[in-house]
Protein backbone atom coordinates (compact mmCIF):
# COMPACT_ATOMS: atom_id res chain seq x y z
CA MET A 1 1.42 -18.04 -12.44
CA ILE A 2 2.47 -17.95 -8.88
CA GLY A 3 3.10 -21.67 -8.74
CA ASP A 4 5.28 -21.29 -12.02
CA SER A 5 7.25 -18.32 -10.65
CA GLY A 6 7.88 -20.03 -7.37
CA SER A 7 9.14 -23.18 -9.13
CA VAL A 8 11.59 -21.38 -11.24
CA PHE A 9 12.58 -19.22 -8.30
CA ASP A 10 13.19 -22.93 -6.58
CA ARG A 11 15.36 -23.85 -9.36
CA VAL A 12 17.62 -20.64 -9.36
CA THR A 13 18.22 -20.90 -5.93
CA ALA A 14 19.19 -24.53 -5.75
CA LYS A 15 21.67 -23.82 -8.79
CA LEU A 16 23.12 -21.13 -6.89
CA ARG A 17 23.58 -23.44 -3.91
CA ILE A 18 25.21 -26.09 -5.93
CA ASP A 19 27.73 -23.23 -7.09
CA GLU A 20 28.39 -22.19 -3.59
CA ASP A 21 29.46 -25.82 -2.50
CA ALA A 22 31.66 -25.81 -5.76
CA VAL A 23 33.43 -22.57 -5.38
CA GLU A 24 35.19 -21.84 -2.05
CA GLY A 25 34.79 -18.32 -0.85
CA GLY A 26 32.71 -17.24 -3.58
CA THR A 27 29.30 -17.54 -1.73
CA SER A 28 28.47 -13.62 -1.04
CA TRP A 29 27.44 -12.47 -4.36
CA ARG A 30 25.52 -15.69 -5.20
CA ARG A 31 23.46 -15.19 -1.97
CA SER A 32 22.66 -11.40 -3.12
CA VAL A 33 21.43 -12.72 -6.10
CA ALA A 34 19.01 -15.27 -4.40
CA VAL A 35 17.66 -12.69 -2.13
CA GLY A 36 17.46 -9.80 -5.09
CA VAL A 37 15.70 -12.07 -7.50
CA PRO A 38 12.08 -11.60 -5.81
CA ALA A 39 12.82 -7.93 -5.52
CA ILE A 40 13.66 -7.53 -9.29
CA VAL A 41 10.64 -9.49 -10.02
CA ALA A 42 8.53 -7.33 -7.86
CA ILE A 43 10.11 -3.94 -9.12
CA GLY A 44 9.33 -5.50 -12.64
CA ALA A 45 5.66 -6.34 -12.12
CA MET A 46 5.14 -2.89 -10.55
CA THR A 47 7.04 -1.16 -13.69
CA ALA A 48 4.51 -2.81 -16.08
CA ALA A 49 1.45 -2.01 -14.26
CA MET A 50 2.27 1.45 -14.09
CA ALA A 51 3.32 1.52 -17.97
CA GLN A 52 -0.30 0.01 -18.42
CA GLY A 53 -2.09 2.56 -16.62
CA ALA A 54 -3.30 -0.40 -13.95
CA LEU A 55 -1.63 1.07 -10.70
CA ALA A 56 -4.98 2.55 -9.90
CA ALA A 57 -7.08 -0.17 -10.22
CA SER A 58 -4.60 -2.65 -8.83
CA PHE A 59 -6.86 -3.49 -5.69
CA ALA A 60 -10.60 -4.16 -4.73
CA VAL A 61 -12.34 -1.05 -3.64
CA SER A 62 -14.49 -0.65 -0.71
CA GLY A 63 -18.20 -0.75 -1.18
CA THR A 64 -18.20 3.08 -0.13
CA SER A 65 -17.28 6.07 -2.24
CA PHE A 66 -15.61 9.08 -0.41
CA GLN A 67 -15.19 12.73 -0.61
CA VAL A 68 -12.12 14.64 -1.97
CA SER A 69 -11.82 18.34 -1.51
CA SER A 70 -8.84 20.98 -1.82
CA GLY A 71 -9.21 24.70 -1.93
CA LYS A 72 -6.45 24.95 -4.79
CA LEU A 73 -4.75 22.39 -6.79
CA THR A 74 -1.88 22.65 -9.33
CA SER A 75 0.04 20.32 -11.54
CA ASP A 76 2.62 20.26 -14.41
CA GLY A 77 0.18 17.75 -16.13
CA LEU A 78 -3.07 15.99 -16.00
CA ALA A 79 -4.38 12.93 -17.95
CA SER A 80 -7.77 11.38 -17.75
CA TYR A 81 -9.87 8.38 -19.20
CA VAL A 82 -12.63 6.07 -18.37
CA GLY A 83 -12.28 3.12 -16.32
CA THR A 84 -13.73 0.42 -14.06
CA ASP A 85 -13.18 -0.15 -10.06
CA ASN A 86 -14.48 -3.37 -8.92
CA ASP A 87 -15.23 -4.08 -5.32
CA ILE A 88 -14.79 -7.35 -3.51
CA SER A 89 -17.90 -8.95 -4.32
CA GLY A 90 -17.20 -8.14 -8.18
CA THR A 91 -19.67 -5.22 -8.73
CA GLY A 92 -17.94 -2.75 -11.07
CA HIS A 93 -18.09 1.41 -10.73
CA PRO A 94 -17.41 3.49 -13.62
CA VAL A 95 -14.93 6.02 -12.90
CA SER A 96 -12.82 8.90 -14.54
CA LEU A 97 -9.23 8.24 -13.72
CA LEU A 98 -7.64 11.61 -12.86
CA ALA A 99 -4.01 11.53 -12.93
CA ILE A 100 -1.97 14.41 -11.82
CA GLY A 101 1.88 14.32 -12.50
CA ASP A 102 3.35 16.58 -9.93
CA ALA A 103 0.58 17.89 -7.58
CA THR A 104 0.82 20.49 -5.25
CA LEU A 105 -2.59 21.30 -2.78
CA SER A 106 -3.05 24.29 -0.49
CA ASP A 107 -5.02 21.64 1.62
CA ILE A 108 -6.60 18.24 1.47
CA CYS A 109 -9.76 16.44 2.79
CA GLN A 110 -10.85 13.02 2.39
CA ALA A 111 -13.87 11.73 4.22
CA ALA A 112 -16.18 8.33 3.91
CA ARG A 113 -19.32 7.83 5.90
CA VAL A 114 -19.56 4.26 6.98
CA LYS A 115 -22.06 2.23 8.45
CA THR A 116 -21.27 0.69 12.13
CA PRO A 117 -23.26 -0.84 14.77
CA LEU A 118 -23.30 2.51 16.55
CA GLY A 119 -24.87 4.40 13.73
CA ASP A 120 -23.16 6.48 10.70
CA VAL A 121 -19.23 7.18 11.48
CA VAL A 122 -17.34 9.81 9.43
CA PHE A 123 -13.60 8.71 8.97
CA LYS A 124 -11.99 12.12 7.87
CA LEU A 125 -8.38 12.54 6.83
CA THR A 126 -7.33 16.37 6.92
CA ALA A 127 -3.90 17.74 6.03
CA GLY A 128 -2.29 21.15 4.82
CA GLY A 129 -3.67 24.64 5.32
CA GLN A 130 -1.70 26.58 7.98
CA ALA A 131 0.53 23.67 8.38
CA GLY A 132 1.95 23.84 4.62
CA GLU A 133 1.08 22.64 1.36
CA VAL A 134 0.58 19.12 0.42
CA THR A 135 2.63 17.52 -2.32
CA ALA A 136 2.07 14.36 -4.51
CA LYS A 137 3.55 12.50 -7.47
CA ASN A 138 1.51 10.50 -9.85
CA LEU A 139 -1.53 11.24 -7.85
CA VAL A 140 -4.47 9.24 -9.34
CA ILE A 141 -8.07 9.69 -8.49
CA ASP A 142 -10.74 7.23 -9.62
CA ALA A 143 -13.60 9.79 -9.44
CA GLU A 144 -17.52 9.74 -10.10
CA ASP A 145 -17.18 13.53 -10.57
CA LEU A 146 -15.17 16.70 -10.13
CA VAL A 147 -16.14 20.04 -9.35
CA GLY A 148 -14.10 23.46 -9.45
CA ASP A 149 -12.77 26.17 -11.31
CA ALA A 150 -10.16 25.27 -13.61
CA GLU A 151 -7.55 26.86 -15.90
CA PHE A 152 -5.67 24.45 -18.41
CA GLY A 153 -2.40 25.03 -20.42
CA VAL A 154 -2.44 23.33 -23.80
CA VAL A 155 -5.37 20.81 -23.78
CA GLU A 156 -5.99 17.68 -25.98
CA ILE A 157 -9.55 16.37 -25.79
CA GLY A 158 -10.58 13.38 -27.63
CA ARG A 159 -7.11 11.74 -27.73
CA ASP A 160 -6.64 7.80 -27.85
CA ALA A 161 -6.18 6.97 -24.22
CA SER A 162 -3.23 4.59 -25.14
CA THR A 163 -1.22 7.75 -26.39
CA LEU A 164 -1.67 9.91 -23.39
CA ASP A 165 2.13 11.29 -22.22
CA LYS A 166 1.60 14.10 -19.95
CA VAL A 167 1.56 11.86 -16.85
CA GLN A 168 3.96 8.90 -16.52
CA GLY A 169 1.99 5.39 -16.66
CA ALA A 170 -1.12 7.22 -17.07
CA LYS A 171 -2.48 5.24 -20.13
CA GLY A 172 -5.93 3.60 -20.97
CA ASP A 173 -6.58 1.06 -23.63
CA PRO A 174 -6.14 1.71 -27.43
CA GLY A 175 -9.21 3.33 -28.96
CA ALA A 176 -10.43 4.48 -25.56
CA PHE A 177 -11.46 8.17 -24.99
CA GLY A 178 -9.00 10.19 -23.16
CA LEU A 179 -7.99 13.69 -22.57
CA GLN A 180 -4.80 15.58 -21.12
CA ALA A 181 -3.38 19.13 -20.45
CA GLY A 182 -0.16 20.59 -19.38
CA GLN A 183 -0.18 23.26 -16.56
CA VAL A 184 -3.52 22.82 -14.61
CA THR A 185 -4.89 24.80 -11.64
CA VAL A 186 -8.25 23.86 -10.39
CA SER A 187 -9.82 26.04 -7.43
CA GLY A 188 -12.71 24.91 -5.06
CA VAL A 189 -11.86 21.07 -6.03
CA GLN A 190 -14.66 19.17 -4.88
CA SER A 191 -15.15 15.16 -5.99
CA HIS A 192 -16.48 11.87 -5.13
CA ALA A 193 -13.94 8.95 -5.48
CA TRP A 194 -13.63 5.29 -5.10
CA ALA A 195 -10.02 5.41 -4.92
CA ALA A 196 -6.88 7.49 -4.92
CA THR A 197 -3.18 6.57 -4.94
CA GLY A 198 0.14 8.29 -4.99
CA GLY A 199 3.70 8.27 -4.90
CA ASP A 200 5.92 10.25 -2.40
CA PHE A 201 2.86 11.65 -0.57
CA LYS A 202 3.53 14.25 1.78
CA LEU A 203 0.82 15.32 4.13
CA LYS A 204 1.96 18.50 6.35
CA GLY A 205 -0.34 18.89 9.50
CA LEU A 206 -1.98 15.21 8.67
CA ARG A 207 -4.86 14.54 11.14
CA VAL A 208 -7.32 11.68 11.22
CA THR A 209 -10.67 11.90 13.15
CA VAL A 210 -13.43 9.16 13.38
CA THR A 211 -16.53 10.59 14.59
CA LEU A 212 -20.45 9.52 15.26
CA GLY A 213 -22.37 11.45 12.88
CA GLY A 214 -19.76 13.64 12.00
CA LYS A 215 -19.75 16.12 9.09
CA GLY A 216 -17.70 15.20 5.56
CA CYS A 217 -15.58 17.28 3.54
CA PHE A 218 -18.71 19.35 1.83
């Protein structure tokens, strides 16, 4: 598919160059089109991935799950369905894709324990708290579990995953089990996850540490 796309782009670019030679003083817009074609193709592919709910699983996950925690999370929408994340070896990890539309978190902690020649090292990212709230749009957590005290608005459990509409782009396969809710508040969030993706992530008071034998988020 990559080879086919490249040949089409080459033919389009060649045609534009022929037109530039044939028409004096009319080259600038054609050059803009030639430069813009790859960007348009990339945007189209990204849009298609979001529409299929595939953005969260669009990369190979590492062989290490990690912890995610927050004192309080609120969102205008939540959608969830079962999926599979694959690591570089092709091993699959069953996950619940938790899609949160417009998220505000009092704080956030992400920690992964990584084996090194020196011993186990904890890679930890923290933000929020006294520095201010953390915000993210279309946050998707590929989670093994989720623990916390939750309050939901209108809840729909057992809805076909392909018809979910509370979070843009968060849809599963037709016939798959799904659930969604309106306004969501979860306190004492604790989760083990394989991946997390988000758009327009704003992390106030960001801190990243790597410590030998360090502590996780919980």
